[in-house]
Protein backbone atom coordinates (compact mmCIF):
# COMPACT_ATOMS: atom_id res chain seq x y z
CA MET A 1 -33.13 24.72 7.45
CA VAL A 2 -34.89 21.39 6.86
CA LEU A 3 -36.08 22.58 3.43
CA LYS A 4 -32.55 23.63 2.53
CA LEU A 5 -31.19 20.25 3.59
CA PHE A 6 -33.88 18.46 1.60
CA LYS A 7 -33.00 20.46 -1.53
CA THR A 8 -29.35 19.60 -0.96
CA ALA A 9 -30.27 15.93 -0.63
CA MET A 10 -32.29 15.99 -3.84
CA LEU A 11 -29.44 17.68 -5.71
CA SER A 12 -27.01 15.12 -4.30
CA ILE A 13 -29.21 12.21 -5.41
CA SER A 14 -29.50 13.78 -8.88
CA ASN A 15 -25.73 14.10 -9.06
CA GLN A 16 -25.37 10.53 -7.84
CA LEU A 17 -27.65 9.35 -10.63
CA THR A 18 -25.50 11.05 -13.27
CA TRP A 19 -22.37 9.73 -11.58
CA TRP A 20 -23.83 6.22 -11.44
CA CYS A 21 -24.74 6.20 -15.15
CA GLU A 22 -21.18 7.16 -16.01
CA GLY A 23 -19.81 4.71 -13.45
CA ILE A 24 -21.65 1.71 -14.90
CA SER A 25 -19.45 1.74 -18.00
CA LYS A 26 -16.36 2.41 -15.91
CA LYS A 27 -17.24 -0.25 -13.31
CA ASP A 28 -17.03 2.43 -10.61
CA GLU A 29 -17.91 0.40 -7.53
CA PHE A 30 -18.00 3.43 -5.25
CA SER A 31 -20.51 5.20 -7.50
CA LEU A 32 -22.80 2.17 -7.65
CA ALA A 33 -22.64 1.60 -3.92
CA GLY A 34 -23.20 5.30 -3.18
CA LEU A 35 -26.24 5.54 -5.43
CA THR A 36 -27.79 2.35 -4.07
CA LEU A 37 -27.47 3.56 -0.53
CA SER A 38 -28.63 7.10 -1.36
CA LEU A 39 -31.82 5.81 -2.98
CA LEU A 40 -32.53 3.63 0.03
CA ILE A 41 -32.19 6.44 2.54
CA LEU A 42 -34.12 8.99 0.48
CA ALA A 43 -37.33 7.05 1.13
CA ILE A 44 -36.88 7.32 4.89
CA PHE A 45 -35.23 10.72 4.99
CA TRP A 46 -38.26 12.61 6.37
CA PHE A 47 -39.10 9.88 8.87
CA VAL A 48 -35.74 9.82 10.57
CA TRP A 49 -34.94 13.52 10.45
CA GLU A 50 -36.93 14.45 13.54
CA PHE A 51 -35.14 11.76 15.55
CA VAL A 52 -31.61 12.86 14.62
CA LYS A 53 -30.23 15.09 17.35
CA PRO A 54 -26.78 16.67 17.61
CA SER A 55 -24.47 14.62 19.79
CA LYS A 56 -23.38 15.99 23.14
CA GLY A 57 -19.97 17.57 23.14
CA MET A 58 -19.98 18.29 19.44
CA LYS A 59 -18.56 21.77 20.03
CA SER A 60 -15.27 20.26 21.16
CA LEU A 61 -14.85 18.25 17.97
CA PRO A 62 -12.81 19.60 15.05
CA PRO A 63 -14.66 21.67 12.43
CA GLY A 64 -15.86 20.00 9.28
CA PRO A 65 -18.47 19.90 6.52
CA HIS A 66 -22.13 19.27 7.24
CA GLY A 67 -23.41 16.08 5.72
CA LEU A 68 -26.85 14.54 5.53
CA PRO A 69 -28.70 12.50 8.12
CA ILE A 70 -27.66 8.83 8.18
CA VAL A 71 -25.24 8.95 5.21
CA GLY A 72 -23.22 11.91 6.45
CA TYR A 73 -20.79 13.25 3.85
CA LEU A 74 -20.79 10.08 1.77
CA PRO A 75 -22.72 11.46 -1.25
CA PHE A 76 -20.24 14.33 -1.64
CA LEU A 77 -16.94 12.41 -1.47
CA GLY A 78 -16.38 11.78 -5.16
CA THR A 79 -13.98 9.16 -6.47
CA ASN A 80 -10.62 10.82 -5.72
CA LEU A 81 -10.71 11.09 -1.95
CA HIS A 82 -7.16 12.44 -1.70
CA HIS A 83 -8.27 15.46 -3.76
CA THR A 84 -11.52 15.90 -1.82
CA PHE A 85 -9.81 15.64 1.56
CA THR A 86 -7.13 18.14 0.52
CA GLU A 87 -9.75 20.63 -0.69
CA LEU A 88 -11.59 20.27 2.63
CA ALA A 89 -8.32 20.97 4.48
CA HIS A 90 -8.03 24.28 2.60
CA ARG A 91 -11.52 25.13 3.82
CA TYR A 92 -11.51 23.81 7.40
CA GLY A 93 -7.86 23.78 8.40
CA PRO A 94 -5.18 21.21 9.27
CA ILE A 95 -7.56 19.04 11.28
CA TYR A 96 -11.22 18.50 10.53
CA LYS A 97 -13.92 15.86 10.87
CA LEU A 98 -16.59 14.36 8.68
CA TRP A 99 -19.17 11.66 9.18
CA VAL A 100 -19.39 8.88 6.63
CA GLY A 101 -22.33 6.71 7.55
CA ASN A 102 -21.97 5.77 11.21
CA LYS A 103 -18.23 6.37 11.24
CA LEU A 104 -16.50 9.54 12.37
CA TYR A 105 -13.37 10.33 10.38
CA VAL A 106 -10.78 12.89 11.42
CA VAL A 107 -8.35 14.08 8.74
CA VAL A 108 -4.97 15.56 9.66
CA SER A 109 -3.16 17.53 6.96
CA SER A 110 -0.25 19.28 8.67
CA PRO A 111 3.10 18.00 10.00
CA ALA A 112 2.62 19.70 13.37
CA VAL A 113 -0.71 18.01 14.06
CA ALA A 114 0.56 14.71 12.60
CA LYS A 115 3.40 14.83 15.14
CA GLU A 116 0.85 14.99 17.96
CA VAL A 117 -0.78 11.81 16.64
CA VAL A 118 2.27 9.68 15.85
CA ARG A 119 4.72 10.95 18.47
CA ASP A 120 3.05 12.76 21.38
CA HIS A 121 0.06 10.38 21.64
CA ASP A 122 1.43 7.42 19.69
CA THR A 123 0.27 4.80 22.20
CA ILE A 124 -3.30 6.09 22.22
CA PHE A 125 -3.39 6.11 18.41
CA GLY A 126 -1.77 2.69 18.08
CA ASN A 127 -4.94 0.77 17.26
CA ARG A 128 -6.61 -0.01 13.93
CA ASP A 129 -10.21 -0.25 12.80
CA PRO A 130 -9.85 -3.07 10.26
CA PRO A 131 -12.19 -3.09 7.25
CA ILE A 132 -14.23 -6.23 6.80
CA ALA A 133 -12.17 -7.29 3.77
CA ALA A 134 -8.96 -7.13 5.82
CA LEU A 135 -10.41 -9.22 8.64
CA ALA A 136 -11.50 -11.86 6.13
CA VAL A 137 -7.93 -12.51 4.91
CA THR A 138 -5.94 -12.07 8.14
CA TYR A 139 -7.64 -14.61 10.42
CA GLY A 140 -9.70 -11.86 12.03
CA GLY A 141 -6.81 -9.38 12.27
CA LEU A 142 -4.03 -11.64 13.60
CA ASP A 143 -1.39 -10.11 11.34
CA ILE A 144 0.85 -7.09 12.00
CA ALA A 145 -0.96 -4.52 9.87
CA TRP A 146 -4.43 -4.86 11.42
CA SER A 147 -3.99 -6.31 14.91
CA SER A 148 -4.68 -4.02 17.87
CA TYR A 149 -1.80 -2.41 19.69
CA GLY A 150 -0.67 -4.56 22.61
CA SER A 151 1.52 -7.50 23.58
CA TYR A 152 0.33 -9.70 20.69
CA TRP A 153 1.13 -7.03 18.10
CA ARG A 154 4.51 -6.30 19.71
CA ASN A 155 5.49 -9.99 19.61
CA MET A 156 4.42 -10.41 15.99
CA ARG A 157 6.25 -7.28 14.89
CA LYS A 158 9.33 -8.38 16.79
CA VAL A 159 9.32 -11.71 14.95
CA PHE A 160 8.89 -9.95 11.63
CA VAL A 161 11.58 -7.30 12.13
CA ARG A 162 14.21 -9.22 14.09
CA GLU A 163 13.91 -12.62 12.47
CA MET A 164 12.48 -12.27 8.97
CA LEU A 165 13.86 -8.82 8.11
CA SER A 166 17.17 -8.97 9.93
CA ASN A 167 20.16 -7.95 7.84
CA ARG A 168 21.27 -11.57 7.79
CA SER A 169 17.93 -12.83 6.50
CA ILE A 170 17.64 -10.13 3.83
CA GLU A 171 21.19 -10.78 2.63
CA ALA A 172 20.55 -14.53 2.57
CA GLY A 173 17.62 -14.02 0.18
CA TYR A 174 19.54 -11.94 -2.33
CA ASN A 175 20.18 -14.76 -4.79
CA LEU A 176 16.44 -15.47 -4.85
CA ARG A 177 15.64 -11.84 -5.67
CA ARG A 178 18.39 -11.63 -8.28
CA ASP A 179 17.17 -14.75 -10.08
CA GLU A 180 13.65 -13.34 -10.42
CA VAL A 181 14.83 -9.91 -11.61
CA GLN A 182 17.08 -11.54 -14.21
CA LYS A 183 14.14 -13.62 -15.44
CA THR A 184 12.23 -10.37 -15.95
CA VAL A 185 15.17 -8.86 -17.82
CA ARG A 186 15.18 -11.85 -20.18
CA GLU A 187 11.42 -11.46 -20.64
CA ILE A 188 11.78 -7.77 -21.51
CA TYR A 189 14.60 -8.58 -23.93
CA THR A 190 12.28 -10.87 -25.92
CA LYS A 191 9.96 -7.87 -26.40
CA ILE A 192 12.50 -5.32 -27.59
CA GLY A 193 10.91 -2.65 -29.76
CA THR A 194 7.36 -3.52 -28.71
CA PRO A 195 5.16 -1.72 -26.15
CA ILE A 196 5.27 -3.12 -22.61
CA ASP A 197 2.87 -2.43 -19.74
CA ILE A 198 5.27 -1.31 -16.99
CA GLY A 199 2.67 -1.81 -14.27
CA ASP A 200 2.07 -5.41 -15.31
CA ILE A 201 5.73 -6.30 -15.64
CA GLY A 202 6.44 -4.61 -12.31
CA PHE A 203 3.63 -6.50 -10.58
CA LEU A 204 4.68 -9.88 -11.99
CA THR A 205 8.29 -9.23 -11.01
CA GLN A 206 7.35 -8.25 -7.47
CA VAL A 207 5.01 -11.22 -6.96
CA ASN A 208 7.70 -13.60 -8.23
CA VAL A 209 10.32 -11.96 -6.00
CA THR A 210 7.96 -12.17 -3.03
CA MET A 211 7.18 -15.84 -3.61
CA SER A 212 10.86 -16.69 -3.91
CA MET A 213 11.62 -14.93 -0.62
CA LEU A 214 8.66 -16.61 1.08
CA TRP A 215 9.47 -20.19 0.20
CA GLY A 216 11.76 -20.37 -2.81
CA SER A 217 14.98 -21.79 -1.42
CA THR A 218 14.11 -25.49 -1.39
CA LEU A 219 10.92 -25.99 -3.37
CA ASP A 220 11.26 -27.38 -6.87
CA TRP A 221 9.74 -24.60 -8.95
CA GLU A 222 9.72 -26.72 -12.07
CA LYS A 223 7.25 -29.03 -10.36
CA THR A 224 5.29 -26.25 -8.73
CA SER A 225 5.06 -23.72 -11.59
CA ASN A 226 1.29 -24.09 -11.50
CA ILE A 227 1.36 -22.86 -7.88
CA LYS A 228 3.33 -19.84 -9.00
CA ALA A 229 0.78 -18.85 -11.66
CA GLU A 230 -2.16 -19.55 -9.36
CA PHE A 231 -0.61 -17.50 -6.58
CA ARG A 232 -0.13 -14.48 -8.86
CA GLU A 233 -3.78 -14.65 -9.88
CA VAL A 234 -5.16 -14.83 -6.36
CA VAL A 235 -2.93 -11.99 -5.13
CA MET A 236 -4.21 -9.80 -7.96
CA LYS A 237 -7.83 -10.61 -7.10
CA ILE A 238 -7.26 -9.91 -3.38
CA THR A 239 -5.79 -6.52 -4.29
CA GLU A 240 -8.76 -5.71 -6.52
CA THR A 241 -11.24 -6.66 -3.78
CA PHE A 242 -9.45 -4.48 -1.23
CA GLU A 243 -9.98 -1.49 -3.52
CA LYS A 244 -13.78 -1.82 -3.53
CA PRO A 245 -15.48 0.55 -1.07
CA ASN A 246 -17.68 -1.52 1.21
CA MET A 247 -20.83 0.05 2.62
CA SER A 248 -20.71 -2.44 5.49
CA ASP A 249 -17.61 -0.63 6.78
CA PHE A 250 -19.46 2.70 6.92
CA PHE A 251 -22.72 1.19 8.22
CA PRO A 252 -21.89 -1.72 10.57
CA MET A 253 -25.61 -2.52 10.87
CA LEU A 254 -25.47 -3.63 7.22
CA ALA A 255 -22.51 -5.95 7.75
CA ARG A 256 -24.64 -9.03 8.38
CA PHE A 257 -26.24 -8.61 4.96
CA ASP A 258 -22.98 -8.08 3.03
CA VAL A 259 -25.04 -6.36 0.32
CA GLN A 260 -22.08 -5.89 -2.02
CA GLY A 261 -20.70 -9.37 -1.45
CA VAL A 262 -17.24 -8.02 -0.52
CA GLU A 263 -16.90 -10.25 2.54
CA ARG A 264 -18.10 -13.37 0.73
CA ASN A 265 -15.75 -12.74 -2.16
CA MET A 266 -12.77 -12.07 0.11
CA LYS A 267 -13.45 -15.23 2.12
CA ARG A 268 -13.45 -17.26 -1.09
CA LEU A 269 -10.13 -15.71 -2.06
CA PHE A 270 -8.80 -16.35 1.43
CA GLN A 271 -9.69 -20.04 1.17
CA TRP A 272 -7.96 -20.11 -2.19
CA VAL A 273 -4.73 -18.57 -0.93
CA GLU A 274 -4.81 -20.64 2.26
CA ARG A 275 -5.02 -23.80 0.19
CA ILE A 276 -1.88 -22.69 -1.65
CA LEU A 277 -0.11 -21.82 1.62
CA ASP A 278 -1.08 -25.17 3.15
CA ALA A 279 0.27 -27.05 0.14
CA VAL A 280 3.58 -25.20 0.26
CA ILE A 281 3.91 -25.51 4.04
CA ASN A 282 3.12 -29.23 3.98
CA GLU A 283 5.72 -29.75 1.25
CA ARG A 284 8.31 -27.85 3.27
CA MET A 285 7.52 -29.71 6.50
CA LYS A 286 7.80 -33.03 4.66
CA SER A 287 11.17 -31.93 3.34
CA ASN A 288 12.28 -30.85 6.81
CA THR A 289 11.30 -34.22 8.25
CA MET A 290 13.28 -36.06 5.60
CA ASN A 291 16.33 -33.92 6.37
CA LYS A 292 16.00 -33.62 10.12
CA GLU A 293 19.24 -35.52 10.67
CA GLY A 294 21.25 -32.57 9.46
CA ALA A 295 20.88 -30.70 6.21
CA LEU A 296 18.12 -28.14 6.61
CA GLU A 297 18.61 -27.43 10.28
CA ASN A 298 22.22 -26.46 9.74
CA GLU A 299 22.00 -24.63 6.44
CA GLU A 300 21.88 -20.87 6.24
CA LYS A 301 18.36 -19.46 6.40
CA LYS A 302 17.30 -18.45 2.94
CA ASP A 303 13.56 -17.91 2.89
CA PHE A 304 10.93 -16.63 5.28
CA LEU A 305 8.96 -19.86 5.56
CA GLN A 306 11.96 -21.76 6.87
CA ILE A 307 12.56 -19.05 9.46
CA LEU A 308 8.94 -19.15 10.62
CA LEU A 309 8.80 -22.94 10.82
CA GLN A 310 11.91 -22.92 12.99
CA LEU A 311 10.26 -20.35 15.26
CA GLN A 312 7.31 -22.71 15.63
CA GLU A 313 9.65 -25.09 17.45
CA GLU A 314 11.34 -22.45 19.63
CA GLU A 315 11.69 -23.29 23.30
CA ASP A 316 11.49 -19.60 24.15
CA THR A 317 7.74 -18.91 24.38
CA GLY A 318 8.40 -15.26 23.59
CA LYS A 319 9.58 -16.25 20.11
CA ARG A 320 7.39 -19.26 19.43
CA ILE A 321 4.52 -18.80 17.00
CA ASN A 322 1.75 -21.12 15.82
CA MET A 323 0.69 -22.11 12.31
CA THR A 324 -2.12 -19.53 12.12
CA GLN A 325 0.32 -16.76 13.00
CA ILE A 326 2.76 -18.05 10.40
CA LYS A 327 0.12 -17.82 7.68
CA ALA A 328 -1.03 -14.39 8.90
CA LEU A 329 2.55 -13.08 8.56
CA LEU A 330 2.87 -14.61 5.10
CA MET A 331 -0.37 -12.88 4.09
CA ASP A 332 1.02 -9.54 5.31
CA ILE A 333 4.04 -9.90 3.05
CA VAL A 334 1.93 -11.03 0.09
CA VAL A 335 -0.68 -8.26 0.31
CA GLY A 336 1.45 -5.48 1.74
CA GLY A 337 4.62 -6.05 -0.22
CA THR A 338 3.47 -6.64 -3.77
CA ASP A 339 0.94 -4.02 -4.83
CA THR A 340 2.62 -1.03 -3.19
CA THR A 341 6.08 -1.81 -4.57
CA SER A 342 4.89 -2.60 -8.09
CA THR A 343 2.82 0.60 -8.09
CA MET A 344 5.92 2.60 -7.18
CA VAL A 345 7.89 0.93 -9.98
CA GLU A 346 5.31 2.29 -12.42
CA PHE A 347 5.25 5.81 -10.95
CA VAL A 348 9.04 6.11 -10.80
CA MET A 349 9.36 4.93 -14.39
CA ALA A 350 6.63 7.36 -15.45
CA GLU A 351 8.34 10.34 -13.83
CA ILE A 352 11.71 9.36 -15.32
CA ILE A 353 10.30 8.94 -18.82
CA ASN A 354 8.51 12.27 -18.41
CA ASN A 355 11.80 13.93 -17.51
CA PRO A 356 14.47 12.92 -20.07
CA GLU A 357 17.24 14.80 -18.25
CA VAL A 358 16.48 12.78 -15.12
CA MET A 359 16.67 9.51 -17.08
CA LYS A 360 19.98 10.56 -18.60
CA ARG A 361 21.46 11.40 -15.22
CA VAL A 362 20.20 8.15 -13.65
CA GLN A 363 21.72 6.10 -16.46
CA GLU A 364 25.01 7.97 -16.32
CA GLU A 365 25.22 7.24 -12.59
CA LEU A 366 24.45 3.57 -13.24
CA ALA A 367 27.16 3.39 -15.91
CA ASP A 368 29.70 4.91 -13.50
CA VAL A 369 28.78 2.78 -10.48
CA VAL A 370 27.85 -0.53 -12.12
CA GLY A 371 29.88 -0.42 -15.33
CA LYS A 372 28.81 -1.21 -18.87
CA ASN A 373 29.77 -4.87 -18.71
CA ASN A 374 28.04 -5.77 -15.46
CA MET A 375 24.58 -6.46 -14.15
CA VAL A 376 23.27 -4.37 -11.27
CA GLU A 377 23.89 -5.99 -7.89
CA GLU A 378 22.27 -4.95 -4.61
CA SER A 379 25.73 -4.01 -3.36
CA HIS A 380 25.65 -1.12 -5.87
CA LEU A 381 22.46 0.42 -4.47
CA GLN A 382 23.98 2.41 -1.61
CA LYS A 383 26.23 4.21 -4.12
CA LEU A 384 23.32 5.25 -6.38
CA LEU A 385 22.67 8.58 -4.69
CA TYR A 386 20.78 10.23 -7.53
CA MET A 387 18.63 7.12 -8.04
CA ASP A 388 17.80 7.29 -4.33
CA ALA A 389 16.77 10.93 -4.71
CA VAL A 390 14.55 10.08 -7.69
CA VAL A 391 12.78 7.36 -5.69
CA LYS A 392 12.28 9.66 -2.69
CA GLU A 393 10.88 12.43 -4.88
CA THR A 394 8.43 9.97 -6.42
CA PHE A 395 7.32 8.87 -2.95
CA ARG A 396 6.75 12.55 -2.16
CA LEU A 397 4.52 13.20 -5.16
CA HIS A 398 2.87 9.76 -5.29
CA PRO A 399 2.78 8.17 -1.83
CA PRO A 400 1.26 4.69 -2.42
CA LEU A 401 -0.92 4.99 0.69
CA PRO A 402 -2.09 8.63 0.52
CA PHE A 403 -3.65 8.46 4.01
CA LEU A 404 -1.41 5.68 5.34
CA VAL A 405 -3.39 3.11 7.34
CA PRO A 406 -6.04 4.84 9.50
CA ARG A 407 -5.39 4.98 13.23
CA CYS A 408 -8.08 4.37 15.84
CA PRO A 409 -7.63 5.99 19.28
CA SER A 410 -8.11 3.70 22.29
CA GLN A 411 -9.44 6.66 24.31
CA SER A 412 -10.56 10.21 23.65
CA CYS A 413 -7.64 12.56 23.21
CA ILE A 414 -6.91 16.24 22.57
CA VAL A 415 -5.12 16.85 19.27
CA GLY A 416 -4.67 20.23 17.62
CA GLY A 417 -6.86 21.77 20.31
CA TYR A 418 -9.82 19.49 19.55
CA THR A 419 -11.21 16.31 21.05
CA ILE A 420 -10.70 13.19 18.98
CA PRO A 421 -13.26 10.65 20.25
CA LYS A 422 -12.37 7.09 21.11
CA ASP A 423 -12.84 4.61 18.21
CA SER A 424 -12.93 7.30 15.52
CA ASN A 425 -10.77 6.85 12.41
CA VAL A 426 -7.82 9.20 11.98
CA PHE A 427 -6.34 9.74 8.52
CA LEU A 428 -2.92 11.33 8.06
CA ASN A 429 -3.20 12.99 4.66
CA VAL A 430 0.44 12.63 3.64
CA TRP A 431 -0.52 13.25 0.01
CA ALA A 432 -1.50 16.81 1.01
CA MET A 433 1.46 17.30 3.35
CA HIS A 434 3.91 16.24 0.64
CA ARG A 435 2.49 18.90 -1.70
CA ASP A 436 2.10 21.76 0.77
CA PRO A 437 3.82 24.93 -0.55
CA GLN A 438 4.37 25.99 3.05
CA PHE A 439 6.98 23.24 3.39
CA TRP A 440 8.07 22.45 -0.17
CA GLU A 441 9.43 24.77 -2.84
CA ASP A 442 7.65 24.23 -6.17
CA PRO A 443 5.71 21.34 -4.58
CA LEU A 444 4.09 20.12 -7.81
CA GLU A 445 7.40 19.96 -9.70
CA PHE A 446 9.42 16.75 -9.95
CA LYS A 447 12.81 17.79 -8.53
CA PRO A 448 14.93 14.90 -7.23
CA GLU A 449 17.72 17.37 -6.38
CA ARG A 450 15.81 18.43 -3.27
CA PHE A 451 16.75 15.06 -1.73
CA LEU A 452 20.48 15.29 -2.50
CA ASN A 453 23.02 16.27 0.18
CA CYS A 454 20.37 16.19 2.89
CA ASN A 455 22.49 14.34 5.51
CA GLY A 456 19.73 11.91 6.38
CA GLU A 457 17.11 14.62 6.92
CA TRP A 458 14.81 13.06 4.32
CA ASP A 459 14.84 9.34 5.04
CA TYR A 460 11.97 6.89 5.61
CA SER A 461 12.26 6.72 9.41
CA GLY A 462 9.28 9.00 10.04
CA ASN A 463 11.25 11.52 12.11
CA ASN A 464 10.67 14.38 9.68
CA PHE A 465 6.93 14.95 9.78
CA GLN A 466 6.85 16.79 6.47
CA TYR A 467 7.79 13.52 4.74
CA LEU A 468 6.01 10.34 5.85
CA PRO A 469 5.62 7.95 2.89
CA PHE A 470 5.90 4.93 5.22
CA GLY A 471 4.26 6.47 8.27
CA SER A 472 5.82 7.14 11.66
CA GLY A 473 5.78 5.98 15.25
CA ARG A 474 4.88 2.52 16.49
CA ARG A 475 2.79 1.66 13.45
CA ILE A 476 5.37 2.70 10.86
CA CYS A 477 5.63 0.18 8.02
CA ALA A 478 7.60 -2.82 9.28
CA GLY A 479 8.89 -3.80 5.84
CA ILE A 480 10.80 -0.62 4.90
CA PRO A 481 14.29 -2.19 4.54
CA LEU A 482 13.09 -4.91 2.17
CA ALA A 483 10.67 -2.67 0.24
CA GLU A 484 13.33 0.01 -0.36
CA ARG A 485 15.95 -2.50 -1.45
CA THR A 486 13.66 -4.44 -3.78
CA LEU A 487 12.20 -1.33 -5.40
CA LYS A 488 15.58 0.24 -6.16
CA TYR A 489 17.05 -3.04 -7.36
CA VAL A 490 14.24 -3.59 -9.88
CA LEU A 491 14.37 0.02 -11.11
CA ALA A 492 18.15 0.09 -11.39
CA SER A 493 18.11 -3.14 -13.41
CA PHE A 494 15.45 -1.82 -15.80
CA LEU A 495 17.23 1.50 -16.33
CA HIS A 496 20.78 0.18 -16.55
CA LEU A 497 19.94 -2.30 -19.29
CA PHE A 498 17.24 -0.53 -21.29
CA GLN A 499 16.34 2.84 -22.74
CA TRP A 500 12.61 3.53 -22.43
CA LYS A 501 10.36 5.70 -24.57
CA LEU A 502 6.66 6.18 -25.15
CA PRO A 503 5.02 4.74 -28.28
CA GLU A 504 4.88 7.17 -31.19
CA GLY A 505 2.21 9.81 -30.74
CA GLU A 506 1.49 8.88 -27.09
CA GLU A 507 1.44 11.45 -24.29
CA LEU A 508 2.28 10.60 -20.70
CA ASP A 509 -0.56 10.87 -18.20
CA LEU A 510 0.58 11.21 -14.57
CA SER A 511 -2.89 11.48 -13.07
CA GLU A 512 -3.83 9.11 -10.27
CA ARG A 513 -6.67 6.75 -9.48
CA PHE A 514 -7.58 6.63 -5.80
CA GLY A 515 -7.68 3.39 -3.86
CA ILE A 516 -6.21 1.93 -0.69
CA VAL A 517 -3.09 1.93 -2.86
CA ILE A 518 -3.07 4.93 -5.19
CA LYS A 519 -2.28 4.02 -8.81
CA LYS A 520 -1.76 5.57 -12.20
CA LYS A 521 -5.08 6.34 -13.81
CA THR A 522 -3.86 5.08 -17.18
CA PRO A 523 -1.27 2.28 -17.49
CA LEU A 524 2.26 3.26 -18.41
CA ILE A 525 3.10 1.72 -21.79
CA ALA A 526 6.74 2.08 -22.89
CA ILE A 527 9.07 0.59 -25.48
CA PRO A 528 12.46 -0.80 -24.31
CA THR A 529 15.71 -0.69 -26.30
CA PRO A 530 18.96 -2.32 -25.11
CA ILE A 531 21.63 0.12 -23.92
CA LEU A 532 24.64 -2.12 -23.32
CA SER A 533 26.64 -3.74 -26.09
CA ASN A 534 27.25 -6.98 -24.19
CA MET A 535 24.20 -9.02 -25.20
CA ASP A 536 25.15 -11.81 -22.77
CA LEU A 537 23.91 -9.58 -19.95
CA TYR A 538 20.39 -9.83 -21.36
CA LYS A 539 20.37 -13.57 -21.92
């Protein structure tokens, strides 16, 4: 048995070496980190083997693949974890375990077992196990996404949902969103007939929209345009750093050394973004002081920063928040609301371009609902039923978070007939569930019609466990109303005003690149052509 394991280890290291050589040119961080760690442990493999004993109670754990001492299954994961985890589900069933370093991961790949996690035992699975990079940019996990389940998290979520994302607040920010989308339309119009990177234009649009909603109602953007550009850059770098696998997360004993420099880099980025936030907040507070006799306190709330600063002065202690909490909430919106939405803009556009009949039907619906002499308004969105189906079908095939955000049980619990130990990490593999032929007819085909006339059965509420793009239960995404509205508004504007086609001789690649947020492997490059005859709509 030992000899067999050693041969497996040697083969794995050999494969890692080949993988690493290929990864150097591709800047594959996971490959480099995996090889480095594998070479380190190979030297001590024989010394530690005799001290590694099976843990007590292992028989009650879910089944799963055998890994290697110390590193567990890490050398065998590959770069597309959503594919690897789905293949393992076919082998071991709807719930299985694997060790990655010192961490035990449990992967759930069926709606029935997912229901046990997010509905039957939702309170137990309400915690998170934040990665080091997340802790570095959220004041140690003081935001909504990564804070532990409890009174603090409930209060923060309540502020976010009831105050910042109330219908009144979202409606009040519409003019800010519209201005940014129209700026993008004008930018696209200047590039008519030339190839455009849809991912880039989607990301820039979403960051600009997000900034406007955060603090755009009273700041003079002409004077602070440098802040705008700087903010876009730092958000992009934070997103890139989040995507790097960090060995310190799998081996906590290595965290103090930060061998890959992920924590140091993220802390530098955090200081950068905090400096921007402080500058904006100080400017707003100065403006509030100057207008404290009337203007700002009586005007309609228009951006999130104004709402949060007013909550800072609340007499009700249940609503009052401090400056650190304000900045943690702003960071949640920045990190959570930009990359995922812009990624979905690219995937939806890719699927539509790949299916000309779908594009034709979407544009016919837009012409009927919006009219050929009007810009898209958010008031039109609820009438765009086919557009809604197209977006939902894209979320099915390309969920931006293929495993959602991992849950961490606060105590051991029985799920699917197996014991899930306290403090393990539980992944809900929605990517696999959304493509399971047991629940979906022609699961690999893009068929928006499956979401038509469904009477609310396929919404984003998390009540149908076959379809969970935003999660379910207590930790369901808090920003669904704003994310859905912004995504559809951007897409409808792009498709109502422009026809899109691939450059001559190009073929569309719909393959994905795994990360915390799953993305297109190759950027979507498309050429826009105006559809409407009224050129004033573009200018």
